[in-house]
């Protein structure tokens, strides 16, 4: 049985299906949001791009975890 994707990345397939955009685009967009706090980035994705809270939060959390390491 293949390893199950866990954490924020588990939302990626759904995000791509819902938005029609590759996850790489969303990750790059959030990486460019310098100077904003986590919830400010989530709010921006929701307001400017129509993402739901769970999808926006997953993208921001993934980028945040990647940049901390």
PDB file of N, CA and C in Angstrom:
ATOM      1  N   UNK A   1       0.849  -1.184   0.000  1.00  0.00           N
ATOM      2  CA  UNK A   1       0.000   0.000   0.000  1.00  0.00           C
ATOM      3  C   UNK A   1       0.889   1.240   0.000  1.00  0.00           C
ATOM      4  N   UNK A   2       0.672   2.175  -0.921  1.00  0.00           N
ATOM      5  CA  UNK A   2       1.525   3.372  -0.988  1.00  0.00           C
ATOM      6  C   UNK A   2       1.347   4.255   0.247  1.00  0.00           C
ATOM      7  N   UNK A   3       2.409   5.006   0.528  1.00  0.00           N
ATOM      8  CA  UNK A   3       2.340   5.943   1.653  1.00  0.00           C
ATOM      9  C   UNK A   3       1.269   6.993   1.378  1.00  0.00           C
ATOM     10  N   UNK A   4       0.493   7.277   2.412  1.00  0.00           N
ATOM     11  CA  UNK A   4      -0.555   8.282   2.281  1.00  0.00           C
ATOM     12  C   UNK A   4       0.053   9.661   2.533  1.00  0.00           C
ATOM     13  N   UNK A   5      -0.324  10.636   1.716  1.00  0.00           N
ATOM     14  CA  UNK A   5       0.160  11.998   1.885  1.00  0.00           C
ATOM     15  C   UNK A   5      -0.488  12.573   3.136  1.00  0.00           C
ATOM     16  N   UNK A   6       0.319  13.226   3.956  1.00  0.00           N
ATOM     17  CA  UNK A   6      -0.177  13.786   5.210  1.00  0.00           C
ATOM     18  C   UNK A   6       0.084  15.285   5.257  1.00  0.00           C
ATOM     19  N   UNK A   7      -0.564  15.936   6.193  1.00  0.00           N
ATOM     20  CA  UNK A   7      -0.352  17.359   6.418  1.00  0.00           C
ATOM     21  C   UNK A   7      -0.963  18.211   5.324  1.00  0.00           C
ATOM     22  N   UNK A   8      -0.501  19.451   5.208  1.00  0.00           N
ATOM     23  CA  UNK A   8      -1.076  20.379   4.233  1.00  0.00           C
ATOM     24  C   UNK A   8      -1.037  19.856   2.799  1.00  0.00           C
ATOM     25  N   UNK A   9      -0.009  19.070   2.466  1.00  0.00           N
ATOM     26  CA  UNK A   9       0.108  18.566   1.096  1.00  0.00           C
ATOM     27  C   UNK A   9      -1.041  17.641   0.721  1.00  0.00           C
ATOM     28  N   UNK A  10      -1.741  17.105   1.704  1.00  0.00           N
ATOM     29  CA  UNK A  10      -2.876  16.227   1.407  1.00  0.00           C
ATOM     30  C   UNK A  10      -4.004  16.991   0.705  1.00  0.00           C
ATOM     31  N   UNK A  11      -4.006  18.293   0.764  1.00  0.00           N
ATOM     32  CA  UNK A  11      -5.015  19.126   0.109  1.00  0.00           C
ATOM     33  C   UNK A  11      -4.664  19.461  -1.346  1.00  0.00           C
ATOM     34  N   UNK A  12      -3.433  19.231  -1.750  1.00  0.00           N
ATOM     35  CA  UNK A  12      -2.963  19.738  -3.037  1.00  0.00           C
ATOM     36  C   UNK A  12      -3.769  19.246  -4.229  1.00  0.00           C
ATOM     37  N   UNK A  13      -4.107  17.976  -4.285  1.00  0.00           N
ATOM     38  CA  UNK A  13      -4.879  17.460  -5.418  1.00  0.00           C
ATOM     39  C   UNK A  13      -6.242  18.145  -5.495  1.00  0.00           C
ATOM     40  N   UNK A  14      -6.863  18.331  -4.351  1.00  0.00           N
ATOM     41  CA  UNK A  14      -8.165  18.992  -4.308  1.00  0.00           C
ATOM     42  C   UNK A  14      -8.052  20.460  -4.718  1.00  0.00           C
ATOM     43  N   UNK A  15      -6.991  21.115  -4.291  1.00  0.00           N
ATOM     44  CA  UNK A  15      -6.778  22.522  -4.656  1.00  0.00           C
ATOM     45  C   UNK A  15      -6.632  22.649  -6.170  1.00  0.00           C
ATOM     46  N   UNK A  16      -5.824  21.766  -6.765  1.00  0.00           N
ATOM     47  CA  UNK A  16      -5.637  21.810  -8.215  1.00  0.00           C
ATOM     48  C   UNK A  16      -6.948  21.532  -8.952  1.00  0.00           C
ATOM     49  N   UNK A  17      -7.706  20.561  -8.466  1.00  0.00           N
ATOM     50  CA  UNK A  17      -8.984  20.220  -9.104  1.00  0.00           C
ATOM     51  C   UNK A  17      -9.981  21.368  -8.991  1.00  0.00           C
ATOM     52  N   UNK A  18     -10.048  21.980  -7.824  1.00  0.00           N
ATOM     53  CA  UNK A  18     -11.002  23.056  -7.578  1.00  0.00           C
ATOM     54  C   UNK A  18     -10.655  24.323  -8.345  1.00  0.00           C
ATOM     55  N   UNK A  19      -9.375  24.682  -8.372  1.00  0.00           N
ATOM     56  CA  UNK A  19      -8.968  25.947  -8.983  1.00  0.00           C
ATOM     57  C   UNK A  19      -8.588  25.833 -10.449  1.00  0.00           C
ATOM     58  N   UNK A  20      -8.212  24.623 -10.884  1.00  0.00           N
ATOM     59  CA  UNK A  20      -7.733  24.447 -12.250  1.00  0.00           C
ATOM     60  C   UNK A  20      -6.321  24.947 -12.453  1.00  0.00           C
ATOM     61  N   UNK A  21      -5.641  25.288 -11.350  1.00  0.00           N
ATOM     62  CA  UNK A  21      -4.279  25.814 -11.423  1.00  0.00           C
ATOM     63  C   UNK A  21      -3.317  24.839 -10.718  1.00  0.00           C
ATOM     64  N   UNK A  22      -2.098  24.722 -11.216  1.00  0.00           N
ATOM     65  CA  UNK A  22      -1.134  23.827 -10.570  1.00  0.00           C
ATOM     66  C   UNK A  22      -0.735  24.350  -9.184  1.00  0.00           C
ATOM     67  N   UNK A  23      -0.462  23.437  -8.289  1.00  0.00           N
ATOM     68  CA  UNK A  23      -0.091  23.824  -6.927  1.00  0.00           C
ATOM     69  C   UNK A  23       1.172  24.676  -6.920  1.00  0.00           C
ATOM     70  N   UNK A  24       2.062  24.440  -7.863  1.00  0.00           N
ATOM     71  CA  UNK A  24       3.293  25.236  -7.935  1.00  0.00           C
ATOM     72  C   UNK A  24       2.980  26.722  -8.065  1.00  0.00           C
ATOM     73  N   UNK A  25       1.918  27.049  -8.787  1.00  0.00           N
ATOM     74  CA  UNK A  25       1.523  28.456  -8.947  1.00  0.00           C
ATOM     75  C   UNK A  25       1.123  29.050  -7.603  1.00  0.00           C
ATOM     76  N   UNK A  26       0.333  28.310  -6.829  1.00  0.00           N
ATOM     77  CA  UNK A  26      -0.120  28.796  -5.526  1.00  0.00           C
ATOM     78  C   UNK A  26       1.037  28.922  -4.551  1.00  0.00           C
ATOM     79  N   UNK A  27       1.948  27.964  -4.578  1.00  0.00           N
ATOM     80  CA  UNK A  27       3.098  28.021  -3.673  1.00  0.00           C
ATOM     81  C   UNK A  27       3.976  29.235  -4.001  1.00  0.00           C
ATOM     82  N   UNK A  28       4.214  29.462  -5.278  1.00  0.00           N
ATOM     83  CA  UNK A  28       5.022  30.613  -5.694  1.00  0.00           C
ATOM     84  C   UNK A  28       4.350  31.924  -5.297  1.00  0.00           C
ATOM     85  N   UNK A  29       3.043  31.978  -5.449  1.00  0.00           N
ATOM     86  CA  UNK A  29       2.301  33.189  -5.081  1.00  0.00           C
ATOM     87  C   UNK A  29       2.496  33.501  -3.600  1.00  0.00           C
ATOM     88  N   UNK A  30       2.358  32.489  -2.751  1.00  0.00           N
ATOM     89  CA  UNK A  30       2.512  32.695  -1.307  1.00  0.00           C
ATOM     90  C   UNK A  30       3.963  33.010  -0.950  1.00  0.00           C
ATOM     91  N   UNK A  31       4.905  32.373  -1.622  1.00  0.00           N
ATOM     92  CA  UNK A  31       6.320  32.678  -1.364  1.00  0.00           C
ATOM     93  C   UNK A  31       6.621  34.148  -1.633  1.00  0.00           C
ATOM     94  N   UNK A  32       5.894  34.744  -2.540  1.00  0.00           N
ATOM     95  CA  UNK A  32       6.086  36.158  -2.866  1.00  0.00           C
ATOM     96  C   UNK A  32       5.400  37.116  -1.908  1.00  0.00           C
ATOM     97  N   UNK A  33       4.631  36.593  -0.986  1.00  0.00           N
ATOM     98  CA  UNK A  33       3.916  37.439  -0.022  1.00  0.00           C
ATOM     99  C   UNK A  33       4.798  37.706   1.200  1.00  0.00           C
ATOM    100  N   UNK A  34       5.859  38.425   0.985  1.00  0.00           N
ATOM    101  CA  UNK A  34       6.777  38.711   2.080  1.00  0.00           C
ATOM    102  C   UNK A  34       6.210  39.808   2.973  1.00  0.00           C
ATOM    103  N   UNK A  35       6.554  39.734   4.237  1.00  0.00           N
ATOM    104  CA  UNK A  35       6.140  40.756   5.185  1.00  0.00           C
ATOM    105  C   UNK A  35       4.741  40.572   5.739  1.00  0.00           C
ATOM    106  N   UNK A  36       4.044  39.514   5.323  1.00  0.00           N
ATOM    107  CA  UNK A  36       2.705  39.250   5.839  1.00  0.00           C
ATOM    108  C   UNK A  36       2.745  38.084   6.814  1.00  0.00           C
ATOM    109  N   UNK A  37       1.876  38.117   7.795  1.00  0.00           N
ATOM    110  CA  UNK A  37       1.748  37.015   8.743  1.00  0.00           C
ATOM    111  C   UNK A  37       0.909  35.909   8.107  1.00  0.00           C
ATOM    112  N   UNK A  38       0.946  34.738   8.739  1.00  0.00           N
ATOM    113  CA  UNK A  38       0.242  33.563   8.233  1.00  0.00           C
ATOM    114  C   UNK A  38      -1.217  33.880   7.874  1.00  0.00           C
ATOM    115  N   UNK A  39      -1.965  34.391   8.830  1.00  0.00           N
ATOM    116  CA  UNK A  39      -3.385  34.628   8.589  1.00  0.00           C
ATOM    117  C   UNK A  39      -3.630  35.761   7.597  1.00  0.00           C
ATOM    118  N   UNK A  40      -2.705  36.673   7.465  1.00  0.00           N
ATOM    119  CA  UNK A  40      -2.829  37.723   6.450  1.00  0.00           C
ATOM    120  C   UNK A  40      -2.691  37.113   5.050  1.00  0.00           C
ATOM    121  N   UNK A  41      -1.792  36.142   4.918  1.00  0.00           N
ATOM    122  CA  UNK A  41      -1.633  35.449   3.638  1.00  0.00           C
ATOM    123  C   UNK A  41      -2.880  34.632   3.319  1.00  0.00           C
ATOM    124  N   UNK A  42      -3.411  33.944   4.317  1.00  0.00           N
ATOM    125  CA  UNK A  42      -4.634  33.168   4.135  1.00  0.00           C
ATOM    126  C   UNK A  42      -5.762  34.098   3.685  1.00  0.00           C
ATOM    127  N   UNK A  43      -5.916  35.213   4.366  1.00  0.00           N
ATOM    128  CA  UNK A  43      -6.966  36.171   4.023  1.00  0.00           C
ATOM    129  C   UNK A  43      -6.797  36.690   2.595  1.00  0.00           C
ATOM    130  N   UNK A  44      -5.573  36.925   2.183  1.00  0.00           N
ATOM    131  CA  UNK A  44      -5.313  37.424   0.828  1.00  0.00           C
ATOM    132  C   UNK A  44      -5.716  36.381  -0.213  1.00  0.00           C
ATOM    133  N   UNK A  45      -5.370  35.126   0.026  1.00  0.00           N
ATOM    134  CA  UNK A  45      -5.752  34.068  -0.916  1.00  0.00           C
ATOM    135  C   UNK A  45      -7.276  33.937  -1.010  1.00  0.00           C
ATOM    136  N   UNK A  46      -7.931  34.065   0.125  1.00  0.00           N
ATOM    137  CA  UNK A  46      -9.391  33.964   0.140  1.00  0.00           C
ATOM    138  C   UNK A  46     -10.030  35.143  -0.576  1.00  0.00           C
ATOM    139  N   UNK A  47      -9.598  36.348  -0.259  1.00  0.00           N
ATOM    140  CA  UNK A  47     -10.211  37.561  -0.816  1.00  0.00           C
ATOM    141  C   UNK A  47      -9.860  37.780  -2.282  1.00  0.00           C
ATOM    142  N   UNK A  48      -8.595  37.615  -2.620  1.00  0.00           N
ATOM    143  CA  UNK A  48      -8.135  37.939  -3.969  1.00  0.00           C
ATOM    144  C   UNK A  48      -8.323  36.804  -4.979  1.00  0.00           C
ATOM    145  N   UNK A  49      -8.377  35.553  -4.482  1.00  0.00           N
ATOM    146  CA  UNK A  49      -8.384  34.416  -5.403  1.00  0.00           C
ATOM    147  C   UNK A  49      -9.542  33.451  -5.169  1.00  0.00           C
ATOM    148  N   UNK A  50     -10.385  33.723  -4.175  1.00  0.00           N
ATOM    149  CA  UNK A  50     -11.574  32.919  -3.951  1.00  0.00           C
ATOM    150  C   UNK A  50     -11.346  31.541  -3.365  1.00  0.00           C
ATOM    151  N   UNK A  51     -10.180  31.312  -2.789  1.00  0.00           N
ATOM    152  CA  UNK A  51      -9.929  30.018  -2.167  1.00  0.00           C
ATOM    153  C   UNK A  51     -10.712  29.905  -0.871  1.00  0.00           C
ATOM    154  N   UNK A  52     -11.073  28.667  -0.527  1.00  0.00           N
ATOM    155  CA  UNK A  52     -11.697  28.419   0.760  1.00  0.00           C
ATOM    156  C   UNK A  52     -10.651  28.484   1.858  1.00  0.00           C
ATOM    157  N   UNK A  53     -11.099  28.597   3.090  1.00  0.00           N
ATOM    158  CA  UNK A  53     -10.172  28.737   4.201  1.00  0.00           C
ATOM    159  C   UNK A  53      -9.219  27.543   4.316  1.00  0.00           C
ATOM    160  N   UNK A  54      -9.735  26.335   4.217  1.00  0.00           N
ATOM    161  CA  UNK A  54      -8.890  25.146   4.355  1.00  0.00           C
ATOM    162  C   UNK A  54      -7.811  25.067   3.295  1.00  0.00           C
ATOM    163  N   UNK A  55      -8.162  25.357   2.057  1.00  0.00           N
ATOM    164  CA  UNK A  55      -7.179  25.315   0.977  1.00  0.00           C
ATOM    165  C   UNK A  55      -6.140  26.417   1.142  1.00  0.00           C
ATOM    166  N   UNK A  56      -6.591  27.617   1.447  1.00  0.00           N
ATOM    167  CA  UNK A  56      -5.655  28.725   1.639  1.00  0.00           C
ATOM    168  C   UNK A  56      -4.710  28.444   2.797  1.00  0.00           C
ATOM    169  N   UNK A  57      -5.253  27.954   3.887  1.00  0.00           N
ATOM    170  CA  UNK A  57      -4.436  27.664   5.058  1.00  0.00           C
ATOM    171  C   UNK A  57      -3.417  26.561   4.765  1.00  0.00           C
ATOM    172  N   UNK A  58      -3.816  25.540   4.010  1.00  0.00           N
ATOM    173  CA  UNK A  58      -2.903  24.439   3.674  1.00  0.00           C
ATOM    174  C   UNK A  58      -1.726  24.948   2.847  1.00  0.00           C
ATOM    175  N   UNK A  59      -1.994  25.808   1.889  1.00  0.00           N
ATOM    176  CA  UNK A  59      -0.927  26.346   1.045  1.00  0.00           C
ATOM    177  C   UNK A  59       0.037  27.176   1.887  1.00  0.00           C
ATOM    178  N   UNK A  60      -0.491  28.072   2.686  1.00  0.00           N
ATOM    179  CA  UNK A  60       0.346  28.944   3.515  1.00  0.00           C
ATOM    180  C   UNK A  60       1.139  28.121   4.532  1.00  0.00           C
ATOM    181  N   UNK A  61       0.505  27.139   5.138  1.00  0.00           N
ATOM    182  CA  UNK A  61       1.201  26.303   6.127  1.00  0.00           C
ATOM    183  C   UNK A  61       2.336  25.518   5.468  1.00  0.00           C
ATOM    184  N   UNK A  62       2.101  25.009   4.281  1.00  0.00           N
ATOM    185  CA  UNK A  62       3.141  24.237   3.571  1.00  0.00           C
ATOM    186  C   UNK A  62       4.341  25.125   3.246  1.00  0.00           C
ATOM    187  N   UNK A  63       4.065  26.303   2.732  1.00  0.00           N
ATOM    188  CA  UNK A  63       5.161  27.225   2.413  1.00  0.00           C
ATOM    189  C   UNK A  63       5.904  27.607   3.696  1.00  0.00           C
ATOM    190  N   UNK A  64       5.176  27.871   4.759  1.00  0.00           N
ATOM    191  CA  UNK A  64       5.806  28.232   6.029  1.00  0.00           C
ATOM    192  C   UNK A  64       6.699  27.118   6.561  1.00  0.00           C
ATOM    193  N   UNK A  65       6.248  25.892   6.461  1.00  0.00           N
ATOM    194  CA  UNK A  65       7.046  24.759   6.945  1.00  0.00           C
ATOM    195  C   UNK A  65       8.280  24.564   6.071  1.00  0.00           C
ATOM    196  N   UNK A  66       8.142  24.790   4.783  1.00  0.00           N
ATOM    197  CA  UNK A  66       9.284  24.638   3.852  1.00  0.00           C
ATOM    198  C   UNK A  66      10.350  25.692   4.098  1.00  0.00           C
ATOM    199  N   UNK A  67       9.934  26.901   4.396  1.00  0.00           N
ATOM    200  CA  UNK A  67      10.898  27.984   4.547  1.00  0.00           C
ATOM    201  C   UNK A  67      11.564  27.979   5.914  1.00  0.00           C
ATOM    202  N   UNK A  68      10.993  27.264   6.891  1.00  0.00           N
ATOM    203  CA  UNK A  68      11.603  27.180   8.222  1.00  0.00           C
ATOM    204  C   UNK A  68      12.761  26.222   8.268  1.00  0.00           C
ATOM    205  N   UNK A  69      12.805  25.273   7.309  1.00  0.00           N
ATOM    206  CA  UNK A  69      13.876  24.267   7.330  1.00  0.00           C
ATOM    207  C   UNK A  69      15.026  24.671   6.463  1.00  0.00           C
TER     208      UNK A  69
END
